[in-house]
Amino acid sequence: MNDFVRKRIRSIGYASKGAYLLLKSEPSIQVQAGIAVIMTILGFLFELNTTEWCLQILSITTVMTAEGLNTAVEKTADFIHPGKHRKIGFIKDIAAGAVFITAFGAVLVGLLIYIPKIF
């Protein structure tokens, strides 16, 4: 096995560890993971088609990615400046705003998929 492949396999290990740590330690991502499970169950119950599944999966992963990046920004900001600071607060608010935007979009996707199936 060449060095390139070994490094890629190692990278997958680091990424898996990061996903595990995120899910284990962060309540916000745990909530999002719970919502993802509920939406997946609903997807099977309402027999989503391939396009609907793709949109739902993309929405779920986008929100969870935004949550992970928000957590990384918050942890970095807290490490750099542990106390309260106006500019750090501003940065954290922007990162949280990005999560809000993706979550809002995911809700819209969910409504577009499920409202016609319910009514």
PDB file of N, CA and C in Angstrom:
ATOM      1  N   MET A   1       0.864  -1.175   0.000  1.00  0.00           N
ATOM      2  CA  MET A   1       0.000   0.000   0.000  1.00  0.00           C
ATOM      3  C   MET A   1       0.907   1.234   0.000  1.00  0.00           C
ATOM      4  N   ASN A   2       0.618   2.155  -0.904  1.00  0.00           N
ATOM      5  CA  ASN A   2       1.489   3.325  -0.969  1.00  0.00           C
ATOM      6  C   ASN A   2       1.141   4.355   0.104  1.00  0.00           C
ATOM      7  N   ASP A   3       2.010   5.326   0.256  1.00  0.00           N
ATOM      8  CA  ASP A   3       1.883   6.334   1.313  1.00  0.00           C
ATOM      9  C   ASP A   3       0.602   7.153   1.179  1.00  0.00           C
ATOM     10  N   PHE A   4       0.206   7.458  -0.065  1.00  0.00           N
ATOM     11  CA  PHE A   4      -1.012   8.242  -0.302  1.00  0.00           C
ATOM     12  C   PHE A   4      -2.231   7.529   0.275  1.00  0.00           C
ATOM     13  N   VAL A   5      -2.357   6.248  -0.001  1.00  0.00           N
ATOM     14  CA  VAL A   5      -3.513   5.467   0.472  1.00  0.00           C
ATOM     15  C   VAL A   5      -3.490   5.372   1.993  1.00  0.00           C
ATOM     16  N   ARG A   6      -2.317   5.120   2.564  1.00  0.00           N
ATOM     17  CA  ARG A   6      -2.198   5.051   4.027  1.00  0.00           C
ATOM     18  C   ARG A   6      -2.656   6.360   4.680  1.00  0.00           C
ATOM     19  N   LYS A   7      -2.250   7.473   4.115  1.00  0.00           N
ATOM     20  CA  LYS A   7      -2.640   8.778   4.669  1.00  0.00           C
ATOM     21  C   LYS A   7      -4.143   9.009   4.548  1.00  0.00           C
ATOM     22  N   ARG A   8      -4.751   8.570   3.453  1.00  0.00           N
ATOM     23  CA  ARG A   8      -6.198   8.728   3.293  1.00  0.00           C
ATOM     24  C   ARG A   8      -6.945   7.880   4.311  1.00  0.00           C
ATOM     25  N   ILE A   9      -6.465   6.663   4.534  1.00  0.00           N
ATOM     26  CA  ILE A   9      -7.102   5.784   5.527  1.00  0.00           C
ATOM     27  C   ILE A   9      -6.972   6.402   6.913  1.00  0.00           C
ATOM     28  N   ARG A  10      -5.822   6.945   7.225  1.00  0.00           N
ATOM     29  CA  ARG A  10      -5.613   7.614   8.509  1.00  0.00           C
ATOM     30  C   ARG A  10      -6.557   8.817   8.641  1.00  0.00           C
ATOM     31  N   SER A  11      -6.734   9.564   7.552  1.00  0.00           N
ATOM     32  CA  SER A  11      -7.639  10.721   7.566  1.00  0.00           C
ATOM     33  C   SER A  11      -9.074  10.305   7.864  1.00  0.00           C
ATOM     34  N   ILE A  12      -9.493   9.181   7.288  1.00  0.00           N
ATOM     35  CA  ILE A  12     -10.841   8.673   7.559  1.00  0.00           C
ATOM     36  C   ILE A  12     -10.975   8.336   9.038  1.00  0.00           C
ATOM     37  N   GLY A  13      -9.936   7.794   9.630  1.00  0.00           N
ATOM     38  CA  GLY A  13      -9.953   7.491  11.067  1.00  0.00           C
ATOM     39  C   GLY A  13     -10.111   8.747  11.902  1.00  0.00           C
ATOM     40  N   TYR A  14      -9.350   9.804  11.560  1.00  0.00           N
ATOM     41  CA  TYR A  14      -9.468  11.071  12.291  1.00  0.00           C
ATOM     42  C   TYR A  14     -10.875  11.665  12.137  1.00  0.00           C
ATOM     43  N   ALA A  15     -11.398  11.601  10.928  1.00  0.00           N
ATOM     44  CA  ALA A  15     -12.729  12.153  10.682  1.00  0.00           C
ATOM     45  C   ALA A  15     -13.802  11.367  11.442  1.00  0.00           C
ATOM     46  N   SER A  16     -13.668  10.056  11.458  1.00  0.00           N
ATOM     47  CA  SER A  16     -14.623   9.221  12.206  1.00  0.00           C
ATOM     48  C   SER A  16     -14.556   9.532  13.692  1.00  0.00           C
ATOM     49  N   LYS A  17     -13.346   9.697  14.210  1.00  0.00           N
ATOM     50  CA  LYS A  17     -13.174  10.053  15.614  1.00  0.00           C
ATOM     51  C   LYS A  17     -13.829  11.396  15.904  1.00  0.00           C
ATOM     52  N   GLY A  18     -13.657  12.361  15.008  1.00  0.00           N
ATOM     53  CA  GLY A  18     -14.275  13.676  15.184  1.00  0.00           C
ATOM     54  C   GLY A  18     -15.791  13.602  15.198  1.00  0.00           C
ATOM     55  N   ALA A  19     -16.358  12.814  14.289  1.00  0.00           N
ATOM     56  CA  ALA A  19     -17.820  12.656  14.251  1.00  0.00           C
ATOM     57  C   ALA A  19     -18.306  12.005  15.544  1.00  0.00           C
ATOM     58  N   TYR A  20     -17.581  11.003  16.017  1.00  0.00           N
ATOM     59  CA  TYR A  20     -17.938  10.338  17.272  1.00  0.00           C
ATOM     60  C   TYR A  20     -17.888  11.323  18.441  1.00  0.00           C
ATOM     61  N   LEU A  21     -16.793  12.081  18.537  1.00  0.00           N
ATOM     62  CA  LEU A  21     -16.654  13.053  19.628  1.00  0.00           C
ATOM     63  C   LEU A  21     -17.758  14.106  19.577  1.00  0.00           C
ATOM     64  N   LEU A  22     -18.087  14.546  18.382  1.00  0.00           N
ATOM     65  CA  LEU A  22     -19.153  15.530  18.213  1.00  0.00           C
ATOM     66  C   LEU A  22     -20.481  14.974  18.711  1.00  0.00           C
ATOM     67  N   LEU A  23     -20.824  13.771  18.267  1.00  0.00           N
ATOM     68  CA  LEU A  23     -22.092  13.156  18.677  1.00  0.00           C
ATOM     69  C   LEU A  23     -22.114  12.832  20.173  1.00  0.00           C
ATOM     70  N   LYS A  24     -20.977  12.453  20.708  1.00  0.00           N
ATOM     71  CA  LYS A  24     -20.907  12.066  22.123  1.00  0.00           C
ATOM     72  C   LYS A  24     -20.991  13.273  23.056  1.00  0.00           C
ATOM     73  N   SER A  25     -20.416  14.403  22.655  1.00  0.00           N
ATOM     74  CA  SER A  25     -20.215  15.494  23.603  1.00  0.00           C
ATOM     75  C   SER A  25     -21.092  16.725  23.403  1.00  0.00           C
ATOM     76  N   GLU A  26     -21.737  16.858  22.261  1.00  0.00           N
ATOM     77  CA  GLU A  26     -22.458  18.100  21.982  1.00  0.00           C
ATOM     78  C   GLU A  26     -23.976  17.918  21.961  1.00  0.00           C
ATOM     79  N   PRO A  27     -24.678  18.517  22.919  1.00  0.00           N
ATOM     80  CA  PRO A  27     -26.139  18.371  22.962  1.00  0.00           C
ATOM     81  C   PRO A  27     -26.835  18.847  21.683  1.00  0.00           C
ATOM     82  N   SER A  28     -26.341  19.898  21.060  1.00  0.00           N
ATOM     83  CA  SER A  28     -27.018  20.409  19.862  1.00  0.00           C
ATOM     84  C   SER A  28     -26.983  19.389  18.723  1.00  0.00           C
ATOM     85  N   ILE A  29     -25.877  18.713  18.545  1.00  0.00           N
ATOM     86  CA  ILE A  29     -25.787  17.714  17.481  1.00  0.00           C
ATOM     87  C   ILE A  29     -26.576  16.463  17.866  1.00  0.00           C
ATOM     88  N   GLN A  30     -26.698  16.185  19.161  1.00  0.00           N
ATOM     89  CA  GLN A  30     -27.510  15.056  19.607  1.00  0.00           C
ATOM     90  C   GLN A  30     -28.986  15.307  19.285  1.00  0.00           C
ATOM     91  N   VAL A  31     -29.431  16.544  19.470  1.00  0.00           N
ATOM     92  CA  VAL A  31     -30.806  16.903  19.098  1.00  0.00           C
ATOM     93  C   VAL A  31     -30.991  16.730  17.596  1.00  0.00           C
ATOM     94  N   GLN A  32     -30.041  17.228  16.813  1.00  0.00           N
ATOM     95  CA  GLN A  32     -30.138  17.108  15.360  1.00  0.00           C
ATOM     96  C   GLN A  32     -30.122  15.642  14.922  1.00  0.00           C
ATOM     97  N   ALA A  33     -29.320  14.828  15.586  1.00  0.00           N
ATOM     98  CA  ALA A  33     -29.281  13.396  15.259  1.00  0.00           C
ATOM     99  C   ALA A  33     -30.626  12.738  15.584  1.00  0.00           C
ATOM    100  N   GLY A  34     -31.231  13.138  16.698  1.00  0.00           N
ATOM    101  CA  GLY A  34     -32.560  12.625  17.038  1.00  0.00           C
ATOM    102  C   GLY A  34     -33.596  13.008  16.003  1.00  0.00           C
ATOM    103  N   ILE A  35     -33.558  14.248  15.560  1.00  0.00           N
ATOM    104  CA  ILE A  35     -34.475  14.709  14.504  1.00  0.00           C
ATOM    105  C   ILE A  35     -34.220  13.922  13.221  1.00  0.00           C
ATOM    106  N   ALA A  36     -32.954  13.660  12.919  1.00  0.00           N
ATOM    107  CA  ALA A  36     -32.605  12.894  11.714  1.00  0.00           C
ATOM    108  C   ALA A  36     -33.210  11.490  11.775  1.00  0.00           C
ATOM    109  N   VAL A  37     -33.160  10.857  12.944  1.00  0.00           N
ATOM    110  CA  VAL A  37     -33.739   9.518  13.092  1.00  0.00           C
ATOM    111  C   VAL A  37     -35.256   9.582  12.878  1.00  0.00           C
ATOM    112  N   ILE A  38     -35.910  10.568  13.485  1.00  0.00           N
ATOM    113  CA  ILE A  38     -37.367  10.717  13.328  1.00  0.00           C
ATOM    114  C   ILE A  38     -37.730  10.932  11.863  1.00  0.00           C
ATOM    115  N   MET A  39     -36.980  11.811  11.186  1.00  0.00           N
ATOM    116  CA  MET A  39     -37.281  12.096   9.789  1.00  0.00           C
ATOM    117  C   MET A  39     -37.016  10.880   8.895  1.00  0.00           C
ATOM    118  N   THR A  40     -36.034  10.078   9.253  1.00  0.00           N
ATOM    119  CA  THR A  40     -35.758   8.858   8.486  1.00  0.00           C
ATOM    120  C   THR A  40     -36.904   7.868   8.651  1.00  0.00           C
ATOM    121  N   ILE A  41     -37.390   7.722   9.869  1.00  0.00           N
ATOM    122  CA  ILE A  41     -38.543   6.839  10.109  1.00  0.00           C
ATOM    123  C   ILE A  41     -39.753   7.340   9.325  1.00  0.00           C
ATOM    124  N   LEU A  42     -39.990   8.657   9.386  1.00  0.00           N
ATOM    125  CA  LEU A  42     -41.109   9.228   8.620  1.00  0.00           C
ATOM    126  C   LEU A  42     -40.936   8.989   7.126  1.00  0.00           C
ATOM    127  N   GLY A  43     -39.694   9.077   6.654  1.00  0.00           N
ATOM    128  CA  GLY A  43     -39.436   8.827   5.236  1.00  0.00           C
ATOM    129  C   GLY A  43     -39.863   7.437   4.811  1.00  0.00           C
ATOM    130  N   PHE A  44     -39.597   6.449   5.663  1.00  0.00           N
ATOM    131  CA  PHE A  44     -40.036   5.084   5.356  1.00  0.00           C
ATOM    132  C   PHE A  44     -41.557   4.955   5.458  1.00  0.00           C
ATOM    133  N   LEU A  45     -42.155   5.576   6.486  1.00  0.00           N
ATOM    134  CA  LEU A  45     -43.606   5.501   6.659  1.00  0.00           C
ATOM    135  C   LEU A  45     -44.367   6.150   5.504  1.00  0.00           C
ATOM    136  N   PHE A  46     -43.843   7.263   4.998  1.00  0.00           N
ATOM    137  CA  PHE A  46     -44.506   7.981   3.913  1.00  0.00           C
ATOM    138  C   PHE A  46     -43.984   7.581   2.535  1.00  0.00           C
ATOM    139  N   GLU A  47     -43.119   6.585   2.506  1.00  0.00           N
ATOM    140  CA  GLU A  47     -42.600   6.023   1.257  1.00  0.00           C
ATOM    141  C   GLU A  47     -42.068   7.107   0.307  1.00  0.00           C
ATOM    142  N   LEU A  48     -41.049   7.818   0.777  1.00  0.00           N
ATOM    143  CA  LEU A  48     -40.448   8.860  -0.046  1.00  0.00           C
ATOM    144  C   LEU A  48     -39.877   8.261  -1.326  1.00  0.00           C
ATOM    145  N   ASN A  49     -39.959   9.053  -2.399  1.00  0.00           N
ATOM    146  CA  ASN A  49     -39.316   8.613  -3.638  1.00  0.00           C
ATOM    147  C   ASN A  49     -37.834   8.984  -3.585  1.00  0.00           C
ATOM    148  N   THR A  50     -37.093   8.596  -4.601  1.00  0.00           N
ATOM    149  CA  THR A  50     -35.646   8.806  -4.602  1.00  0.00           C
ATOM    150  C   THR A  50     -35.283  10.282  -4.476  1.00  0.00           C
ATOM    151  N   THR A  51     -35.973  11.137  -5.185  1.00  0.00           N
ATOM    152  CA  THR A  51     -35.681  12.574  -5.128  1.00  0.00           C
ATOM    153  C   THR A  51     -35.955  13.126  -3.736  1.00  0.00           C
ATOM    154  N   GLU A  52     -37.076  12.732  -3.145  1.00  0.00           N
ATOM    155  CA  GLU A  52     -37.412  13.189  -1.793  1.00  0.00           C
ATOM    156  C   GLU A  52     -36.375  12.702  -0.784  1.00  0.00           C
ATOM    157  N   TRP A  53     -35.934  11.450  -0.912  1.00  0.00           N
ATOM    158  CA  TRP A  53     -34.889  10.934  -0.027  1.00  0.00           C
ATOM    159  C   TRP A  53     -33.612  11.751  -0.177  1.00  0.00           C
ATOM    160  N   CYS A  54     -33.242  12.032  -1.414  1.00  0.00           N
ATOM    161  CA  CYS A  54     -32.018  12.814  -1.648  1.00  0.00           C
ATOM    162  C   CYS A  54     -32.117  14.187  -1.001  1.00  0.00           C
ATOM    163  N   LEU A  55     -33.254  14.845  -1.167  1.00  0.00           N
ATOM    164  CA  LEU A  55     -33.431  16.173  -0.569  1.00  0.00           C
ATOM    165  C   LEU A  55     -33.425  16.096   0.948  1.00  0.00           C
ATOM    166  N   GLN A  56     -34.070  15.078   1.503  1.00  0.00           N
ATOM    167  CA  GLN A  56     -34.107  14.933   2.961  1.00  0.00           C
ATOM    168  C   GLN A  56     -32.711  14.635   3.505  1.00  0.00           C
ATOM    169  N   ILE A  57     -31.994  13.719   2.877  1.00  0.00           N
ATOM    170  CA  ILE A  57     -30.644  13.380   3.340  1.00  0.00           C
ATOM    171  C   ILE A  57     -29.726  14.584   3.217  1.00  0.00           C
ATOM    172  N   LEU A  58     -29.818  15.293   2.110  1.00  0.00           N
ATOM    173  CA  LEU A  58     -28.994  16.485   1.930  1.00  0.00           C
ATOM    174  C   LEU A  58     -29.310  17.538   2.987  1.00  0.00           C
ATOM    175  N   SER A  59     -30.574  17.716   3.300  1.00  0.00           N
ATOM    176  CA  SER A  59     -30.967  18.681   4.336  1.00  0.00           C
ATOM    177  C   SER A  59     -30.430  18.273   5.704  1.00  0.00           C
ATOM    178  N   ILE A  60     -30.588  17.007   6.046  1.00  0.00           N
ATOM    179  CA  ILE A  60     -30.118  16.516   7.340  1.00  0.00           C
ATOM    180  C   ILE A  60     -28.607  16.693   7.456  1.00  0.00           C
ATOM    181  N   THR A  61     -27.885  16.265   6.441  1.00  0.00           N
ATOM    182  CA  THR A  61     -26.425  16.343   6.522  1.00  0.00           C
ATOM    183  C   THR A  61     -25.936  17.786   6.495  1.00  0.00           C
ATOM    184  N   THR A  62     -26.642  18.661   5.811  1.00  0.00           N
ATOM    185  CA  THR A  62     -26.250  20.074   5.792  1.00  0.00           C
ATOM    186  C   THR A  62     -26.416  20.693   7.179  1.00  0.00           C
ATOM    187  N   VAL A  63     -27.534  20.417   7.825  1.00  0.00           N
ATOM    188  CA  VAL A  63     -27.760  20.950   9.173  1.00  0.00           C
ATOM    189  C   VAL A  63     -26.731  20.383  10.149  1.00  0.00           C
ATOM    190  N   MET A  64     -26.479  19.095  10.076  1.00  0.00           N
ATOM    191  CA  MET A  64     -25.519  18.485  11.011  1.00  0.00           C
ATOM    192  C   MET A  64     -24.100  18.982  10.746  1.00  0.00           C
ATOM    193  N   THR A  65     -23.766  19.217   9.487  1.00  0.00           N
ATOM    194  CA  THR A  65     -22.464  19.789   9.156  1.00  0.00           C
ATOM    195  C   THR A  65     -22.347  21.198   9.710  1.00  0.00           C
ATOM    196  N   ALA A  66     -23.399  21.996   9.530  1.00  0.00           N
ATOM    197  CA  ALA A  66     -23.381  23.363  10.071  1.00  0.00           C
ATOM    198  C   ALA A  66     -23.233  23.334  11.590  1.00  0.00           C
ATOM    199  N   GLU A  67     -23.919  22.405  12.252  1.00  0.00           N
ATOM    200  CA  GLU A  67     -23.791  22.274  13.710  1.00  0.00           C
ATOM    201  C   GLU A  67     -22.354  21.931  14.099  1.00  0.00           C
ATOM    202  N   GLY A  68     -21.745  21.029  13.350  1.00  0.00           N
ATOM    203  CA  GLY A  68     -20.364  20.652  13.636  1.00  0.00           C
ATOM    204  C   GLY A  68     -19.405  21.815  13.444  1.00  0.00           C
ATOM    205  N   LEU A  69     -19.575  22.549  12.361  1.00  0.00           N
ATOM    206  CA  LEU A  69     -18.716  23.709  12.116  1.00  0.00           C
ATOM    207  C   LEU A  69     -18.948  24.792  13.168  1.00  0.00           C
ATOM    208  N   ASN A  70     -20.203  24.988  13.566  1.00  0.00           N
ATOM    209  CA  ASN A  70     -20.514  25.948  14.613  1.00  0.00           C
ATOM    210  C   ASN A  70     -19.822  25.556  15.916  1.00  0.00           C
ATOM    211  N   THR A  71     -19.864  24.282  16.237  1.00  0.00           N
ATOM    212  CA  THR A  71     -19.192  23.798  17.444  1.00  0.00           C
ATOM    213  C   THR A  71     -17.690  24.053  17.364  1.00  0.00           C
ATOM    214  N   ALA A  72     -17.105  23.786  16.192  1.00  0.00           N
ATOM    215  CA  ALA A  72     -15.667  24.019  16.019  1.00  0.00           C
ATOM    216  C   ALA A  72     -15.329  25.501  16.196  1.00  0.00           C
ATOM    217  N   VAL A  73     -16.154  26.382  15.646  1.00  0.00           N
ATOM    218  CA  VAL A  73     -15.930  27.824  15.803  1.00  0.00           C
ATOM    219  C   VAL A  73     -16.037  28.208  17.276  1.00  0.00           C
ATOM    220  N   GLU A  74     -17.069  27.715  17.956  1.00  0.00           N
ATOM    221  CA  GLU A  74     -17.252  28.049  19.368  1.00  0.00           C
ATOM    222  C   GLU A  74     -16.099  27.551  20.229  1.00  0.00           C
ATOM    223  N   LYS A  75     -15.675  26.301  20.006  1.00  0.00           N
ATOM    224  CA  LYS A  75     -14.565  25.744  20.791  1.00  0.00           C
ATOM    225  C   LYS A  75     -13.268  26.516  20.534  1.00  0.00           C
ATOM    226  N   THR A  76     -13.030  26.878  19.283  1.00  0.00           N
ATOM    227  CA  THR A  76     -11.835  27.648  18.945  1.00  0.00           C
ATOM    228  C   THR A  76     -11.883  29.025  19.595  1.00  0.00           C
ATOM    229  N   ALA A  77     -13.031  29.675  19.504  1.00  0.00           N
ATOM    230  CA  ALA A  77     -13.181  31.001  20.099  1.00  0.00           C
ATOM    231  C   ALA A  77     -12.991  30.949  21.613  1.00  0.00           C
ATOM    232  N   ASP A  78     -13.564  29.937  22.252  1.00  0.00           N
ATOM    233  CA  ASP A  78     -13.410  29.796  23.706  1.00  0.00           C
ATOM    234  C   ASP A  78     -11.962  29.508  24.089  1.00  0.00           C
ATOM    235  N   PHE A  79     -11.253  28.768  23.254  1.00  0.00           N
ATOM    236  CA  PHE A  79      -9.849  28.469  23.513  1.00  0.00           C
ATOM    237  C   PHE A  79      -8.998  29.738  23.397  1.00  0.00           C
ATOM    238  N   ILE A  80      -9.289  30.515  22.379  1.00  0.00           N
ATOM    239  CA  ILE A  80      -8.513  31.741  22.143  1.00  0.00           C
ATOM    240  C   ILE A  80      -8.805  32.793  23.205  1.00  0.00           C
ATOM    241  N   HIS A  81     -10.091  32.926  23.544  1.00  0.00           N
ATOM    242  CA  HIS A  81     -10.484  33.956  24.515  1.00  0.00           C
ATOM    243  C   HIS A  81     -11.562  33.375  25.423  1.00  0.00           C
ATOM    244  N   PRO A  82     -11.154  32.724  26.540  1.00  0.00           N
ATOM    245  CA  PRO A  82     -12.112  32.035  27.419  1.00  0.00           C
ATOM    246  C   PRO A  82     -13.172  32.946  28.044  1.00  0.00           C
ATOM    247  N   GLY A  83     -12.854  34.187  28.287  1.00  0.00           N
ATOM    248  CA  GLY A  83     -13.825  35.091  28.906  1.00  0.00           C
ATOM    249  C   GLY A  83     -14.782  35.676  27.887  1.00  0.00           C
ATOM    250  N   LYS A  84     -15.737  36.433  28.384  1.00  0.00           N
ATOM    251  CA  LYS A  84     -16.674  37.112  27.483  1.00  0.00           C
ATOM    252  C   LYS A  84     -15.936  38.215  26.740  1.00  0.00           C
ATOM    253  N   HIS A  85     -16.232  38.299  25.449  1.00  0.00           N
ATOM    254  CA  HIS A  85     -15.629  39.336  24.619  1.00  0.00           C
ATOM    255  C   HIS A  85     -16.614  39.673  23.506  1.00  0.00           C
ATOM    256  N   ARG A  86     -16.823  40.934  23.282  1.00  0.00           N
ATOM    257  CA  ARG A  86     -17.815  41.391  22.302  1.00  0.00           C
ATOM    258  C   ARG A  86     -17.555  40.803  20.914  1.00  0.00           C
ATOM    259  N   LYS A  87     -16.323  40.844  20.445  1.00  0.00           N
ATOM    260  CA  LYS A  87     -16.020  40.351  19.103  1.00  0.00           C
ATOM    261  C   LYS A  87     -16.145  38.830  19.012  1.00  0.00           C
ATOM    262  N   ILE A  88     -15.745  38.122  20.066  1.00  0.00           N
ATOM    263  CA  ILE A  88     -15.909  36.664  20.095  1.00  0.00           C
ATOM    264  C   ILE A  88     -17.398  36.325  20.083  1.00  0.00           C
ATOM    265  N   GLY A  89     -18.187  37.060  20.847  1.00  0.00           N
ATOM    266  CA  GLY A  89     -19.634  36.855  20.849  1.00  0.00           C
ATOM    267  C   GLY A  89     -20.237  37.070  19.468  1.00  0.00           C
ATOM    268  N   PHE A  90     -19.760  38.076  18.766  1.00  0.00           N
ATOM    269  CA  PHE A  90     -20.224  38.370  17.413  1.00  0.00           C
ATOM    270  C   PHE A  90     -19.917  37.193  16.478  1.00  0.00           C
ATOM    271  N   ILE A  91     -18.696  36.671  16.573  1.00  0.00           N
ATOM    272  CA  ILE A  91     -18.285  35.530  15.741  1.00  0.00           C
ATOM    273  C   ILE A  91     -19.157  34.311  16.037  1.00  0.00           C
ATOM    274  N   LYS A  92     -19.388  34.039  17.314  1.00  0.00           N
ATOM    275  CA  LYS A  92     -20.218  32.903  17.695  1.00  0.00           C
ATOM    276  C   LYS A  92     -21.658  33.074  17.208  1.00  0.00           C
ATOM    277  N   ASP A  93     -22.177  34.303  17.295  1.00  0.00           N
ATOM    278  CA  ASP A  93     -23.533  34.561  16.813  1.00  0.00           C
ATOM    279  C   ASP A  93     -23.652  34.319  15.314  1.00  0.00           C
ATOM    280  N   ILE A  94     -22.638  34.709  14.562  1.00  0.00           N
ATOM    281  CA  ILE A  94     -22.659  34.481  13.115  1.00  0.00           C
ATOM    282  C   ILE A  94     -22.661  32.980  12.816  1.00  0.00           C
ATOM    283  N   ALA A  95     -21.816  32.230  13.515  1.00  0.00           N
ATOM    284  CA  ALA A  95     -21.770  30.782  13.306  1.00  0.00           C
ATOM    285  C   ALA A  95     -23.116  30.139  13.664  1.00  0.00           C
ATOM    286  N   ALA A  96     -23.720  30.585  14.756  1.00  0.00           N
ATOM    287  CA  ALA A  96     -25.042  30.070  15.141  1.00  0.00           C
ATOM    288  C   ALA A  96     -26.092  30.476  14.108  1.00  0.00           C
ATOM    289  N   GLY A  97     -25.948  31.653  13.549  1.00  0.00           N
ATOM    290  CA  GLY A  97     -26.870  32.106  12.504  1.00  0.00           C
ATOM    291  C   GLY A  97     -26.820  31.212  11.273  1.00  0.00           C
ATOM    292  N   ALA A  98     -25.632  30.734  10.932  1.00  0.00           N
ATOM    293  CA  ALA A  98     -25.498  29.822   9.797  1.00  0.00           C
ATOM    294  C   ALA A  98     -26.262  28.521  10.062  1.00  0.00           C
ATOM    295  N   VAL A  99     -26.209  28.038  11.291  1.00  0.00           N
ATOM    296  CA  VAL A  99     -26.977  26.840  11.652  1.00  0.00           C
ATOM    297  C   VAL A  99     -28.470  27.128  11.521  1.00  0.00           C
ATOM    298  N   PHE A 100     -28.888  28.292  11.995  1.00  0.00           N
ATOM    299  CA  PHE A 100     -30.299  28.669  11.913  1.00  0.00           C
ATOM    300  C   PHE A 100     -30.774  28.691  10.463  1.00  0.00           C
ATOM    301  N   ILE A 101     -29.969  29.264   9.577  1.00  0.00           N
ATOM    302  CA  ILE A 101     -30.343  29.344   8.165  1.00  0.00           C
ATOM    303  C   ILE A 101     -30.483  27.951   7.563  1.00  0.00           C
ATOM    304  N   THR A 102     -29.532  27.058   7.851  1.00  0.00           N
ATOM    305  CA  THR A 102     -29.627  25.706   7.294  1.00  0.00           C
ATOM    306  C   THR A 102     -30.806  24.943   7.891  1.00  0.00           C
ATOM    307  N   ALA A 103     -31.047  25.134   9.182  1.00  0.00           N
ATOM    308  CA  ALA A 103     -32.183  24.450   9.813  1.00  0.00           C
ATOM    309  C   ALA A 103     -33.506  24.963   9.245  1.00  0.00           C
ATOM    310  N   PHE A 104     -33.590  26.262   9.011  1.00  0.00           N
ATOM    311  CA  PHE A 104     -34.802  26.839   8.418  1.00  0.00           C
ATOM    312  C   PHE A 104     -35.031  26.257   7.024  1.00  0.00           C
ATOM    313  N   GLY A 105     -33.962  26.171   6.240  1.00  0.00           N
ATOM    314  CA  GLY A 105     -34.080  25.569   4.912  1.00  0.00           C
ATOM    315  C   GLY A 105     -34.515  24.117   4.987  1.00  0.00           C
ATOM    316  N   ALA A 106     -33.982  23.381   5.948  1.00  0.00           N
ATOM    317  CA  ALA A 106     -34.349  21.971   6.113  1.00  0.00           C
ATOM    318  C   ALA A 106     -35.828  21.836   6.482  1.00  0.00           C
ATOM    319  N   VAL A 107     -36.319  22.732   7.325  1.00  0.00           N
ATOM    320  CA  VAL A 107     -37.744  22.712   7.684  1.00  0.00           C
ATOM    321  C   VAL A 107     -38.598  22.954   6.442  1.00  0.00           C
ATOM    322  N   LEU A 108     -38.184  23.911   5.615  1.00  0.00           N
ATOM    323  CA  LEU A 108     -38.934  24.180   4.374  1.00  0.00           C
ATOM    324  C   LEU A 108     -38.945  22.952   3.461  1.00  0.00           C
ATOM    325  N   VAL A 109     -37.793  22.301   3.320  1.00  0.00           N
ATOM    326  CA  VAL A 109     -37.721  21.078   2.510  1.00  0.00           C
ATOM    327  C   VAL A 109     -38.670  20.027   3.092  1.00  0.00           C
ATOM    328  N   GLY A 110     -38.638  19.856   4.414  1.00  0.00           N
ATOM    329  CA  GLY A 110     -39.531  18.889   5.062  1.00  0.00           C
ATOM    330  C   GLY A 110     -40.996  19.203   4.816  1.00  0.00           C
ATOM    331  N   LEU A 111     -41.352  20.467   4.920  1.00  0.00           N
ATOM    332  CA  LEU A 111     -42.745  20.855   4.665  1.00  0.00           C
ATOM    333  C   LEU A 111     -43.141  20.578   3.221  1.00  0.00           C
ATOM    334  N   LEU A 112     -42.263  20.895   2.292  1.00  0.00           N
ATOM    335  CA  LEU A 112     -42.560  20.651   0.876  1.00  0.00           C
ATOM    336  C   LEU A 112     -42.704  19.156   0.578  1.00  0.00           C
ATOM    337  N   ILE A 113     -41.971  18.346   1.275  1.00  0.00           N
ATOM    338  CA  ILE A 113     -42.063  16.896   1.057  1.00  0.00           C
ATOM    339  C   ILE A 113     -43.299  16.316   1.736  1.00  0.00           C
ATOM    340  N   TYR A 114     -43.537  16.686   3.008  1.00  0.00           N
ATOM    341  CA  TYR A 114     -44.536  15.975   3.806  1.00  0.00           C
ATOM    342  C   TYR A 114     -45.948  16.556   3.757  1.00  0.00           C
ATOM    343  N   ILE A 115     -46.101  17.857   3.572  1.00  0.00           N
ATOM    344  CA  ILE A 115     -47.466  18.422   3.538  1.00  0.00           C
ATOM    345  C   ILE A 115     -48.323  17.779   2.458  1.00  0.00           C
ATOM    346  N   PRO A 116     -47.826  17.646   1.214  1.00  0.00           N
ATOM    347  CA  PRO A 116     -48.667  16.980   0.211  1.00  0.00           C
ATOM    348  C   PRO A 116     -48.989  15.522   0.557  1.00  0.00           C
ATOM    349  N   LYS A 117     -48.137  14.864   1.279  1.00  0.00           N
ATOM    350  CA  LYS A 117     -48.375  13.463   1.645  1.00  0.00           C
ATOM    351  C   LYS A 117     -49.395  13.352   2.785  1.00  0.00           C
ATOM    352  N   ILE A 118     -49.432  14.381   3.644  1.00  0.00           N
ATOM    353  CA  ILE A 118     -50.342  14.354   4.780  1.00  0.00           C
ATOM    354  C   ILE A 118     -51.750  14.777   4.359  1.00  0.00           C
ATOM    355  N   PHE A 119     -51.834  15.753   3.459  1.00  0.00           N
ATOM    356  CA  PHE A 119     -53.146  16.296   3.074  1.00  0.00           C
ATOM    357  C   PHE A 119     -53.573  15.843   1.702  1.00  0.00           C
TER     358      PHE A 119
END
